[in-house]
């Protein structure tokens, strides 16, 4: 059950990353805020993927 929650969270983070790309080259405060959000979402997605892999490896080791 926990593995499914982690996988679901990783998929949602990935979907979020695909919907957040900013516009071309604008250097306003909203663009900078968007870039910060993109960066944070990407880091969260990477951590969730790492956690999912760790859980998967642990589960496979216990079989």
PDB file of N, CA and C in Angstrom:
ATOM      1  N   UNK A   1       0.828  -1.195   0.000  1.00  0.00           N
ATOM      2  CA  UNK A   1       0.000   0.000   0.000  1.00  0.00           C
ATOM      3  C   UNK A   1       0.870   1.256   0.000  1.00  0.00           C
ATOM      4  N   UNK A   2       1.889   1.269   0.841  1.00  0.00           N
ATOM      5  CA  UNK A   2       2.773   2.430   0.931  1.00  0.00           C
ATOM      6  C   UNK A   2       3.507   2.646  -0.394  1.00  0.00           C
ATOM      7  N   UNK A   3       3.914   1.554  -1.037  1.00  0.00           N
ATOM      8  CA  UNK A   3       4.601   1.672  -2.317  1.00  0.00           C
ATOM      9  C   UNK A   3       3.702   2.344  -3.354  1.00  0.00           C
ATOM     10  N   UNK A   4       2.430   1.987  -3.354  1.00  0.00           N
ATOM     11  CA  UNK A   4       1.491   2.602  -4.302  1.00  0.00           C
ATOM     12  C   UNK A   4       1.345   4.103  -4.029  1.00  0.00           C
ATOM     13  N   UNK A   5       1.363   4.501  -2.769  1.00  0.00           N
ATOM     14  CA  UNK A   5       1.271   5.919  -2.431  1.00  0.00           C
ATOM     15  C   UNK A   5       2.499   6.664  -2.930  1.00  0.00           C
ATOM     16  N   UNK A   6       3.660   6.056  -2.778  1.00  0.00           N
ATOM     17  CA  UNK A   6       4.898   6.689  -3.237  1.00  0.00           C
ATOM     18  C   UNK A   6       4.903   6.809  -4.753  1.00  0.00           C
ATOM     19  N   UNK A   7       4.490   5.736  -5.422  1.00  0.00           N
ATOM     20  CA  UNK A   7       4.441   5.764  -6.884  1.00  0.00           C
ATOM     21  C   UNK A   7       3.436   6.807  -7.362  1.00  0.00           C
ATOM     22  N   UNK A   8       2.286   6.875  -6.698  1.00  0.00           N
ATOM     23  CA  UNK A   8       1.272   7.869  -7.077  1.00  0.00           C
ATOM     24  C   UNK A   8       1.811   9.285  -6.896  1.00  0.00           C
ATOM     25  N   UNK A   9       2.505   9.520  -5.787  1.00  0.00           N
ATOM     26  CA  UNK A   9       3.067  10.843  -5.539  1.00  0.00           C
ATOM     27  C   UNK A   9       4.120  11.186  -6.587  1.00  0.00           C
ATOM     28  N   UNK A  10       4.937  10.206  -6.967  1.00  0.00           N
ATOM     29  CA  UNK A  10       5.957  10.443  -7.983  1.00  0.00           C
ATOM     30  C   UNK A  10       5.317  10.772  -9.327  1.00  0.00           C
ATOM     31  N   UNK A  11       4.251  10.064  -9.663  1.00  0.00           N
ATOM     32  CA  UNK A  11       3.553  10.341 -10.920  1.00  0.00           C
ATOM     33  C   UNK A  11       2.918  11.728 -10.906  1.00  0.00           C
ATOM     34  N   UNK A  12       2.348  12.115  -9.777  1.00  0.00           N
ATOM     35  CA  UNK A  12       1.743  13.446  -9.686  1.00  0.00           C
ATOM     36  C   UNK A  12       2.815  14.519  -9.795  1.00  0.00           C
ATOM     37  N   UNK A  13       3.957  14.288  -9.169  1.00  0.00           N
ATOM     38  CA  UNK A  13       5.051  15.258  -9.258  1.00  0.00           C
ATOM     39  C   UNK A  13       5.548  15.370 -10.698  1.00  0.00           C
ATOM     40  N   UNK A  14       5.635  14.234 -11.381  1.00  0.00           N
ATOM     41  CA  UNK A  14       6.058  14.255 -12.784  1.00  0.00           C
ATOM     42  C   UNK A  14       5.064  15.017 -13.648  1.00  0.00           C
ATOM     43  N   UNK A  15       3.771  14.801 -13.406  1.00  0.00           N
ATOM     44  CA  UNK A  15       2.746  15.520 -14.163  1.00  0.00           C
ATOM     45  C   UNK A  15       2.849  17.016 -13.890  1.00  0.00           C
ATOM     46  N   UNK A  16       3.105  17.366 -12.639  1.00  0.00           N
ATOM     47  CA  UNK A  16       3.266  18.773 -12.273  1.00  0.00           C
ATOM     48  C   UNK A  16       4.452  19.382 -13.012  1.00  0.00           C
ATOM     49  N   UNK A  17       5.535  18.636 -13.097  1.00  0.00           N
ATOM     50  CA  UNK A  17       6.723  19.139 -13.792  1.00  0.00           C
ATOM     51  C   UNK A  17       6.455  19.389 -15.272  1.00  0.00           C
ATOM     52  N   UNK A  18       5.595  18.584 -15.861  1.00  0.00           N
ATOM     53  CA  UNK A  18       5.294  18.776 -17.284  1.00  0.00           C
ATOM     54  C   UNK A  18       4.382  19.974 -17.510  1.00  0.00           C
ATOM     55  N   UNK A  19       3.618  20.388 -16.505  1.00  0.00           N
ATOM     56  CA  UNK A  19       2.687  21.500 -16.686  1.00  0.00           C
ATOM     57  C   UNK A  19       3.260  22.840 -16.246  1.00  0.00           C
ATOM     58  N   UNK A  20       4.423  22.834 -15.615  1.00  0.00           N
ATOM     59  CA  UNK A  20       4.968  24.074 -15.078  1.00  0.00           C
ATOM     60  C   UNK A  20       6.019  24.801 -15.916  1.00  0.00           C
ATOM     61  N   UNK A  21       6.417  24.315 -17.075  1.00  0.00           N
ATOM     62  CA  UNK A  21       7.474  25.039 -17.784  1.00  0.00           C
ATOM     63  C   UNK A  21       7.085  26.503 -18.033  1.00  0.00           C
ATOM     64  N   UNK A  22       8.059  27.368 -17.826  1.00  0.00           N
ATOM     65  CA  UNK A  22       7.790  28.790 -17.979  1.00  0.00           C
ATOM     66  C   UNK A  22       7.802  29.239 -19.425  1.00  0.00           C
ATOM     67  N   UNK A  23       7.531  30.512 -19.613  1.00  0.00           N
ATOM     68  CA  UNK A  23       7.573  31.109 -20.944  1.00  0.00           C
ATOM     69  C   UNK A  23       9.023  31.248 -21.383  1.00  0.00           C
ATOM     70  N   UNK A  24       9.218  31.801 -22.572  1.00  0.00           N
ATOM     71  CA  UNK A  24      10.571  31.905 -23.108  1.00  0.00           C
ATOM     72  C   UNK A  24      11.486  32.674 -22.154  1.00  0.00           C
ATOM     73  N   UNK A  25      12.007  33.793 -22.541  1.00  0.00           N
ATOM     74  CA  UNK A  25      12.962  34.481 -21.682  1.00  0.00           C
ATOM     75  C   UNK A  25      12.381  35.786 -21.154  1.00  0.00           C
ATOM     76  N   UNK A  26      11.783  35.710 -19.995  1.00  0.00           N
ATOM     77  CA  UNK A  26      11.287  36.895 -19.298  1.00  0.00           C
ATOM     78  C   UNK A  26      11.915  36.878 -17.917  1.00  0.00           C
ATOM     79  N   UNK A  27      12.432  38.006 -17.500  1.00  0.00           N
ATOM     80  CA  UNK A  27      13.173  38.055 -16.252  1.00  0.00           C
ATOM     81  C   UNK A  27      12.408  38.753 -15.130  1.00  0.00           C
ATOM     82  N   UNK A  28      11.095  38.795 -15.218  1.00  0.00           N
ATOM     83  CA  UNK A  28      10.304  39.455 -14.190  1.00  0.00           C
ATOM     84  C   UNK A  28      10.216  38.618 -12.927  1.00  0.00           C
ATOM     85  N   UNK A  29       9.655  39.171 -11.884  1.00  0.00           N
ATOM     86  CA  UNK A  29       9.546  38.460 -10.609  1.00  0.00           C
ATOM     87  C   UNK A  29       8.679  37.199 -10.701  1.00  0.00           C
ATOM     88  N   UNK A  30       7.653  37.223 -11.538  1.00  0.00           N
ATOM     89  CA  UNK A  30       6.817  36.038 -11.683  1.00  0.00           C
ATOM     90  C   UNK A  30       7.583  34.915 -12.385  1.00  0.00           C
ATOM     91  N   UNK A  31       8.423  35.262 -13.335  1.00  0.00           N
ATOM     92  CA  UNK A  31       9.245  34.261 -14.016  1.00  0.00           C
ATOM     93  C   UNK A  31      10.213  33.618 -13.023  1.00  0.00           C
ATOM     94  N   UNK A  32      10.830  34.442 -12.189  1.00  0.00           N
ATOM     95  CA  UNK A  32      11.754  33.915 -11.187  1.00  0.00           C
ATOM     96  C   UNK A  32      11.024  33.033 -10.187  1.00  0.00           C
ATOM     97  N   UNK A  33       9.841  33.426  -9.792  1.00  0.00           N
ATOM     98  CA  UNK A  33       9.045  32.607  -8.870  1.00  0.00           C
ATOM     99  C   UNK A  33       8.675  31.283  -9.535  1.00  0.00           C
ATOM    100  N   UNK A  34       8.302  31.328 -10.800  1.00  0.00           N
ATOM    101  CA  UNK A  34       7.977  30.108 -11.536  1.00  0.00           C
ATOM    102  C   UNK A  34       9.163  29.168 -11.640  1.00  0.00           C
ATOM    103  N   UNK A  35      10.331  29.737 -11.877  1.00  0.00           N
ATOM    104  CA  UNK A  35      11.541  28.916 -11.950  1.00  0.00           C
ATOM    105  C   UNK A  35      11.839  28.269 -10.605  1.00  0.00           C
ATOM    106  N   UNK A  36      11.619  28.994  -9.528  1.00  0.00           N
ATOM    107  CA  UNK A  36      11.819  28.429  -8.192  1.00  0.00           C
ATOM    108  C   UNK A  36      10.860  27.278  -7.939  1.00  0.00           C
ATOM    109  N   UNK A  37       9.608  27.461  -8.350  1.00  0.00           N
ATOM    110  CA  UNK A  37       8.606  26.396  -8.185  1.00  0.00           C
ATOM    111  C   UNK A  37       8.993  25.186  -9.023  1.00  0.00           C
ATOM    112  N   UNK A  38       9.412  25.418 -10.262  1.00  0.00           N
ATOM    113  CA  UNK A  38       9.846  24.315 -11.130  1.00  0.00           C
ATOM    114  C   UNK A  38      10.994  23.539 -10.491  1.00  0.00           C
ATOM    115  N   UNK A  39      11.957  24.283  -9.973  1.00  0.00           N
ATOM    116  CA  UNK A  39      13.122  23.653  -9.360  1.00  0.00           C
ATOM    117  C   UNK A  39      12.720  22.833  -8.134  1.00  0.00           C
ATOM    118  N   UNK A  40      11.873  23.401  -7.300  1.00  0.00           N
ATOM    119  CA  UNK A  40      11.425  22.692  -6.101  1.00  0.00           C
ATOM    120  C   UNK A  40      10.635  21.445  -6.468  1.00  0.00           C
ATOM    121  N   UNK A  41       9.755  21.558  -7.445  1.00  0.00           N
ATOM    122  CA  UNK A  41       8.955  20.408  -7.875  1.00  0.00           C
ATOM    123  C   UNK A  41       9.848  19.318  -8.452  1.00  0.00           C
ATOM    124  N   UNK A  42      10.877  19.713  -9.180  1.00  0.00           N
ATOM    125  CA  UNK A  42      11.802  18.737  -9.752  1.00  0.00           C
ATOM    126  C   UNK A  42      12.557  18.006  -8.647  1.00  0.00           C
ATOM    127  N   UNK A  43      13.011  18.745  -7.638  1.00  0.00           N
ATOM    128  CA  UNK A  43      13.718  18.115  -6.518  1.00  0.00           C
ATOM    129  C   UNK A  43      12.818  17.148  -5.769  1.00  0.00           C
ATOM    130  N   UNK A  44      11.559  17.541  -5.555  1.00  0.00           N
ATOM    131  CA  UNK A  44      10.602  16.661  -4.884  1.00  0.00           C
ATOM    132  C   UNK A  44      10.385  15.400  -5.708  1.00  0.00           C
ATOM    133  N   UNK A  45      10.225  15.562  -7.010  1.00  0.00           N
ATOM    134  CA  UNK A  45      10.043  14.409  -7.885  1.00  0.00           C
ATOM    135  C   UNK A  45      11.222  13.458  -7.840  1.00  0.00           C
ATOM    136  N   UNK A  46      12.432  14.018  -7.831  1.00  0.00           N
ATOM    137  CA  UNK A  46      13.628  13.186  -7.773  1.00  0.00           C
ATOM    138  C   UNK A  46      13.700  12.427  -6.450  1.00  0.00           C
ATOM    139  N   UNK A  47      13.385  13.111  -5.344  1.00  0.00           N
ATOM    140  CA  UNK A  47      13.401  12.457  -4.027  1.00  0.00           C
ATOM    141  C   UNK A  47      12.357  11.347  -3.968  1.00  0.00           C
ATOM    142  N   UNK A  48      11.176  11.603  -4.532  1.00  0.00           N
ATOM    143  CA  UNK A  48      10.133  10.577  -4.534  1.00  0.00           C
ATOM    144  C   UNK A  48      10.549   9.375  -5.374  1.00  0.00           C
ATOM    145  N   UNK A  49      11.186   9.629  -6.489  1.00  0.00           N
ATOM    146  CA  UNK A  49      11.667   8.523  -7.320  1.00  0.00           C
ATOM    147  C   UNK A  49      12.721   7.716  -6.574  1.00  0.00           C
ATOM    148  N   UNK A  50      13.647   8.405  -5.901  1.00  0.00           N
ATOM    149  CA  UNK A  50      14.672   7.717  -5.124  1.00  0.00           C
ATOM    150  C   UNK A  50      14.045   6.874  -4.015  1.00  0.00           C
ATOM    151  N   UNK A  51      13.063   7.448  -3.341  1.00  0.00           N
ATOM    152  CA  UNK A  51      12.381   6.732  -2.268  1.00  0.00           C
ATOM    153  C   UNK A  51      11.636   5.523  -2.823  1.00  0.00           C
ATOM    154  N   UNK A  52      10.965   5.700  -3.937  1.00  0.00           N
ATOM    155  CA  UNK A  52      10.250   4.601  -4.573  1.00  0.00           C
ATOM    156  C   UNK A  52      11.189   3.467  -4.955  1.00  0.00           C
ATOM    157  N   UNK A  53      12.349   3.818  -5.510  1.00  0.00           N
ATOM    158  CA  UNK A  53      13.334   2.807  -5.871  1.00  0.00           C
ATOM    159  C   UNK A  53      13.851   2.087  -4.628  1.00  0.00           C
ATOM    160  N   UNK A  54      14.084   2.844  -3.563  1.00  0.00           N
ATOM    161  CA  UNK A  54      14.561   2.247  -2.318  1.00  0.00           C
ATOM    162  C   UNK A  54      13.537   1.269  -1.752  1.00  0.00           C
ATOM    163  N   UNK A  55      12.273   1.671  -1.751  1.00  0.00           N
ATOM    164  CA  UNK A  55      11.209   0.804  -1.267  1.00  0.00           C
ATOM    165  C   UNK A  55      11.096  -0.432  -2.151  1.00  0.00           C
ATOM    166  N   UNK A  56      11.199  -0.236  -3.441  1.00  0.00           N
ATOM    167  CA  UNK A  56      11.113  -1.356  -4.389  1.00  0.00           C
ATOM    168  C   UNK A  56      12.260  -2.338  -4.146  1.00  0.00           C
ATOM    169  N   UNK A  57      13.473  -1.807  -3.978  1.00  0.00           N
ATOM    170  CA  UNK A  57      14.630  -2.669  -3.741  1.00  0.00           C
ATOM    171  C   UNK A  57      14.476  -3.434  -2.428  1.00  0.00           C
ATOM    172  N   UNK A  58      13.972  -2.765  -1.404  1.00  0.00           N
ATOM    173  CA  UNK A  58      13.761  -3.404  -0.117  1.00  0.00           C
ATOM    174  C   UNK A  58      12.710  -4.505  -0.227  1.00  0.00           C
ATOM    175  N   UNK A  59      11.644  -4.220  -0.931  1.00  0.00           N
ATOM    176  CA  UNK A  59      10.565  -5.193  -1.089  1.00  0.00           C
ATOM    177  C   UNK A  59      11.062  -6.412  -1.873  1.00  0.00           C
ATOM    178  N   UNK A  60      11.870  -6.208  -2.876  1.00  0.00           N
ATOM    179  CA  UNK A  60      12.391  -7.321  -3.654  1.00  0.00           C
ATOM    180  C   UNK A  60      13.372  -8.153  -2.841  1.00  0.00           C
ATOM    181  N   UNK A  61      14.073  -7.517  -1.920  1.00  0.00           N
ATOM    182  CA  UNK A  61      15.038  -8.231  -1.074  1.00  0.00           C
ATOM    183  C   UNK A  61      14.359  -9.096  -0.032  1.00  0.00           C
ATOM    184  N   UNK A  62      13.111  -8.767   0.309  1.00  0.00           N
ATOM    185  CA  UNK A  62      12.397  -9.514   1.341  1.00  0.00           C
ATOM    186  C   UNK A  62      11.625 -10.693   0.777  1.00  0.00           C
ATOM    187  N   UNK A  63      11.613 -10.890  -0.536  1.00  0.00           N
ATOM    188  CA  UNK A  63      10.856 -12.004  -1.139  1.00  0.00           C
ATOM    189  C   UNK A  63      11.547 -13.292  -0.934  1.00  0.00           C
TER     190      UNK A  63
END
